[in-house]
C-alpha atoms as a PDB file:
ATOM      1  CA  UNK A   1      96.142  21.425-189.716  1.00  0.00           C
ATOM      2  CA  UNK A   2      94.681  19.537-186.788  1.00  0.00           C
ATOM      3  CA  UNK A   3      97.121  18.515-184.055  1.00  0.00           C
ATOM      4  CA  UNK A   4      97.676  14.840-183.323  1.00  0.00           C
ATOM      5  CA  UNK A   5      96.181  15.214-179.866  1.00  0.00           C
ATOM      6  CA  UNK A   6      93.043  16.859-181.208  1.00  0.00           C
ATOM      7  CA  UNK A   7      92.643  14.247-183.958  1.00  0.00           C
ATOM      8  CA  UNK A   8      93.067  11.506-181.396  1.00  0.00           C
ATOM      9  CA  UNK A   9      90.336  13.046-179.233  1.00  0.00           C
ATOM     10  CA  UNK A  10      88.065  13.457-182.259  1.00  0.00           C
ATOM     11  CA  UNK A  11      88.655   9.872-183.329  1.00  0.00           C
ATOM     12  CA  UNK A  12      88.049   8.660-179.789  1.00  0.00           C
ATOM     13  CA  UNK A  13      84.769  10.544-179.736  1.00  0.00           C
ATOM     14  CA  UNK A  14      83.780   8.953-183.031  1.00  0.00           C
ATOM     15  CA  UNK A  15      84.452   5.498-181.608  1.00  0.00           C
ATOM     16  CA  UNK A  16      82.370   6.341-178.532  1.00  0.00           C
ATOM     17  CA  UNK A  17      79.480   7.494-180.715  1.00  0.00           C
ATOM     18  CA  UNK A  18      79.612   4.230-182.642  1.00  0.00           C
ATOM     19  CA  UNK A  19      79.621   2.267-179.398  1.00  0.00           C
ATOM     20  CA  UNK A  20      76.681   4.267-178.015  1.00  0.00           C
ATOM     21  CA  UNK A  21      74.823   3.784-181.272  1.00  0.00           C
ATOM     22  CA  UNK A  22      75.437   0.046-181.087  1.00  0.00           C
ATOM     23  CA  UNK A  23      74.278  -0.301-177.501  1.00  0.00           C
ATOM     24  CA  UNK A  24      71.448   2.196-177.880  1.00  0.00           C
ATOM     25  CA  UNK A  25      69.909   0.388-180.803  1.00  0.00           C
ATOM     26  CA  UNK A  26      70.456  -3.129-179.528  1.00  0.00           C
ATOM     27  CA  UNK A  27      66.873  -3.538-178.384  1.00  0.00           C
ATOM     28  CA  UNK A  28      65.251  -1.264-180.969  1.00  0.00           C
ATOM     29  CA  UNK A  29      65.784  -3.154-184.201  1.00  0.00           C
ATOM     30  CA  UNK A  30      64.162  -6.330-185.338  1.00  0.00           C
ATOM     31  CA  UNK A  31      66.784  -6.954-187.982  1.00  0.00           C
ATOM     32  CA  UNK A  32      69.955  -7.872-186.069  1.00  0.00           C
ATOM     33  CA  UNK A  33      71.980  -8.775-189.175  1.00  0.00           C
ATOM     34  CA  UNK A  34      71.383  -5.314-190.638  1.00  0.00           C
ATOM     35  CA  UNK A  35      72.172  -3.674-187.307  1.00  0.00           C
ATOM     36  CA  UNK A  36      75.368  -5.716-186.975  1.00  0.00           C
ATOM     37  CA  UNK A  37      76.491  -4.639-190.462  1.00  0.00           C
ATOM     38  CA  UNK A  38      75.817  -0.954-189.673  1.00  0.00           C
ATOM     39  CA  UNK A  39      77.775  -1.226-186.440  1.00  0.00           C
ATOM     40  CA  UNK A  40      80.605  -3.001-188.242  1.00  0.00           C
ATOM     41  CA  UNK A  41      80.720  -0.369-190.998  1.00  0.00           C
ATOM     42  CA  UNK A  42      80.637   2.564-188.554  1.00  0.00           C
ATOM     43  CA  UNK A  43      83.336   1.004-186.386  1.00  0.00           C
ATOM     44  CA  UNK A  44      85.533   0.394-189.443  1.00  0.00           C
ATOM     45  CA  UNK A  45      85.058   4.007-190.562  1.00  0.00           C
ATOM     46  CA  UNK A  46      85.883   5.369-187.088  1.00  0.00           C
ATOM     47  CA  UNK A  47      88.994   3.189-186.813  1.00  0.00           C
ATOM     48  CA  UNK A  48      90.185   4.329-190.260  1.00  0.00           C
ATOM     49  CA  UNK A  49      89.719   7.966-189.221  1.00  0.00           C
ATOM     50  CA  UNK A  50      91.571   7.397-185.939  1.00  0.00           C
ATOM     51  CA  UNK A  51      94.546   5.598-187.494  1.00  0.00           C
ATOM     52  CA  UNK A  52      96.500   8.686-188.758  1.00  0.00           C
ATOM     53  CA  UNK A  53      96.128  10.452-185.414  1.00  0.00           C
ATOM     54  CA  UNK A  54      97.239   7.376-183.492  1.00  0.00           C
ATOM     55  CA  UNK A  55     100.237   6.920-185.789  1.00  0.00           C
ATOM     56  CA  UNK A  56     101.207  10.599-185.407  1.00  0.00           C
ATOM     57  CA  UNK A  57     100.837  10.398-181.629  1.00  0.00           C
ATOM     58  CA  UNK A  58     102.984   7.251-181.628  1.00  0.00           C
ATOM     59  CA  UNK A  59     105.748   9.082-183.524  1.00  0.00           C
ATOM     60  CA  UNK A  60     105.585  11.990-181.072  1.00  0.00           C
ATOM     61  CA  UNK A  61     105.869   9.621-178.123  1.00  0.00           C
ATOM     62  CA  UNK A  62     108.863   7.854-179.720  1.00  0.00           C
ATOM     63  CA  UNK A  63     110.613  11.204-180.294  1.00  0.00           C
ATOM     64  CA  UNK A  64     109.961  12.229-176.692  1.00  0.00           C
ATOM     65  CA  UNK A  65     111.333   8.914-175.394  1.00  0.00           C
ATOM     66  CA  UNK A  66     114.464   9.232-177.536  1.00  0.00           C
ATOM     67  CA  UNK A  67     115.009  12.789-176.276  1.00  0.00           C
ATOM     68  CA  UNK A  68     114.543  11.732-172.676  1.00  0.00           C
ATOM     69  CA  UNK A  69     116.955   8.824-173.150  1.00  0.00           C
ATOM     70  CA  UNK A  70     119.587  11.116-174.658  1.00  0.00           C
ATOM     71  CA  UNK A  71     119.171  13.609-171.828  1.00  0.00           C
ATOM     72  CA  UNK A  72     119.399  10.843-169.256  1.00  0.00           C
ATOM     73  CA  UNK A  73     122.595   9.459-170.778  1.00  0.00           C
ATOM     74  CA  UNK A  74     124.263  12.869-171.131  1.00  0.00           C
ATOM     75  CA  UNK A  75     123.131  14.017-167.688  1.00  0.00           C
ATOM     76  CA  UNK A  76     125.746  11.935-165.878  1.00  0.00           C
ATOM     77  CA  UNK A  77     128.470  12.564-168.429  1.00  0.00           C
ATOM     78  CA  UNK A  78     131.501  14.406-167.097  1.00  0.00           C
ATOM     79  CA  UNK A  79     132.954  16.948-169.487  1.00  0.00           C
ATOM     80  CA  UNK A  80     136.701  16.813-170.127  1.00  0.00           C
ATOM     81  CA  UNK A  81     138.467  20.045-169.184  1.00  0.00           C
ATOM     82  CA  UNK A  82     140.868  20.892-171.992  1.00  0.00           C
ATOM     83  CA  UNK A  83     143.075  22.871-169.593  1.00  0.00           C
ATOM     84  CA  UNK A  84     143.644  20.106-167.045  1.00  0.00           C
ATOM     85  CA  UNK A  85     142.865  16.731-168.643  1.00  0.00           C
ATOM     86  CA  UNK A  86     145.566  14.113-168.839  1.00  0.00           C
ATOM     87  CA  UNK A  87     146.709  12.593-172.110  1.00  0.00           C
ATOM     88  CA  UNK A  88     144.690   9.466-171.279  1.00  0.00           C
ATOM     89  CA  UNK A  89     141.550  11.549-170.640  1.00  0.00           C
ATOM     90  CA  UNK A  90     141.998  13.339-173.951  1.00  0.00           C
ATOM     91  CA  UNK A  91     142.559  10.128-175.942  1.00  0.00           C
ATOM     92  CA  UNK A  92     139.212   8.931-174.579  1.00  0.00           C
ATOM     93  CA  UNK A  93     137.489  11.638-176.621  1.00  0.00           C
ATOM     94  CA  UNK A  94     136.061  10.738-180.044  1.00  0.00           C
ATOM     95  CA  UNK A  95     138.704  11.046-182.767  1.00  0.00           C
ATOM     96  CA  UNK A  96     141.562  12.039-180.434  1.00  0.00           C
ATOM     97  CA  UNK A  97     144.700   9.931-180.563  1.00  0.00           C
ATOM     98  CA  UNK A  98     147.986  10.379-178.711  1.00  0.00           C
ATOM     99  CA  UNK A  99     149.270  12.872-181.290  1.00  0.00           C
ATOM    100  CA  UNK A 100     146.180  15.100-180.988  1.00  0.00           C
ATOM    101  CA  UNK A 101     146.208  14.808-177.192  1.00  0.00           C
ATOM    102  CA  UNK A 102     149.817  16.005-177.060  1.00  0.00           C
ATOM    103  CA  UNK A 103     148.965  18.954-179.328  1.00  0.00           C
ATOM    104  CA  UNK A 104     146.002  19.866-177.101  1.00  0.00           C
ATOM    105  CA  UNK A 105     148.197  19.767-173.991  1.00  0.00           C
ATOM    106  CA  UNK A 106     150.941  21.833-175.699  1.00  0.00           C
ATOM    107  CA  UNK A 107     148.402  24.505-176.710  1.00  0.00           C
ATOM    108  CA  UNK A 108     147.139  25.225-173.176  1.00  0.00           C
ATOM    109  CA  UNK A 109     145.599  27.340-171.757  1.00  0.00           C
ATOM    110  CA  UNK A 110     142.289  27.700-173.607  1.00  0.00           C
ATOM    111  CA  UNK A 111     139.600  30.304-173.016  1.00  0.00           C
ATOM    112  CA  UNK A 112     137.020  28.497-175.131  1.00  0.00           C
ATOM    113  CA  UNK A 113     136.824  24.926-176.460  1.00  0.00           C
ATOM    114  CA  UNK A 114     136.575  26.284-180.009  1.00  0.00           C
ATOM    115  CA  UNK A 115     140.140  27.583-179.571  1.00  0.00           C
ATOM    116  CA  UNK A 116     141.170  24.099-180.740  1.00  0.00           C
ATOM    117  CA  UNK A 117     139.968  25.043-184.225  1.00  0.00           C
ATOM    118  CA  UNK A 118     141.018  28.705-184.094  1.00  0.00           C
ATOM    119  CA  UNK A 119     144.586  27.673-183.235  1.00  0.00           C
ATOM    120  CA  UNK A 120     144.557  24.856-185.836  1.00  0.00           C
ATOM    121  CA  UNK A 121     145.124  22.176-183.226  1.00  0.00           C
ATOM    122  CA  UNK A 122     142.113  20.219-184.555  1.00  0.00           C
ATOM    123  CA  UNK A 123     140.166  20.459-187.791  1.00  0.00           C
ATOM    124  CA  UNK A 124     136.588  21.718-187.675  1.00  0.00           C
ATOM    125  CA  UNK A 125     135.273  18.210-188.396  1.00  0.00           C
ATOM    126  CA  UNK A 126     137.396  16.659-185.616  1.00  0.00           C
ATOM    127  CA  UNK A 127     136.211  19.359-183.208  1.00  0.00           C
ATOM    128  CA  UNK A 128     132.571  18.736-184.194  1.00  0.00           C
ATOM    129  CA  UNK A 129     132.899  15.114-182.993  1.00  0.00           C
ATOM    130  CA  UNK A 130     134.060  16.074-179.503  1.00  0.00           C
ATOM    131  CA  UNK A 131     132.594  19.537-178.864  1.00  0.00           C
ATOM    132  CA  UNK A 132     129.769  18.187-176.665  1.00  0.00           C
ATOM    133  CA  UNK A 133     132.281  16.309-174.498  1.00  0.00           C
ATOM    134  CA  UNK A 134     134.715  19.120-173.609  1.00  0.00           C
ATOM    135  CA  UNK A 135     134.845  22.301-171.569  1.00  0.00           C
ATOM    136  CA  UNK A 136     137.401  24.803-170.296  1.00  0.00           C
ATOM    137  CA  UNK A 137     137.695  25.900-166.689  1.00  0.00           C
END
């Protein structure tokens, strides 16, 4: 399977060949209508061949932008330390209310954030929502 980058280069080369053909034959043919149709047909063919590669490259660029955005947003995010966070800090976590925050505080100290599940302080699904936002120090 040809990579998107390689297909894009190949398609770009095809478009360049069509352009060179068009300019190279501009003064050589007496029948300009026929020449114009050939150029049109070749350009249409080259564009059709380039389209899948351009679409694939566009998807790759979108994925890269989304990843960069996510990294940028998480880069400044301060993790909540389960061993020292206040009740207010804990209730700011996804899915943690006052009741859960009090249970987390009562269960201190923790060696690992997953201790919340091991000790049955939070369910596995509740922990999954906040695991990227917490740490233990």
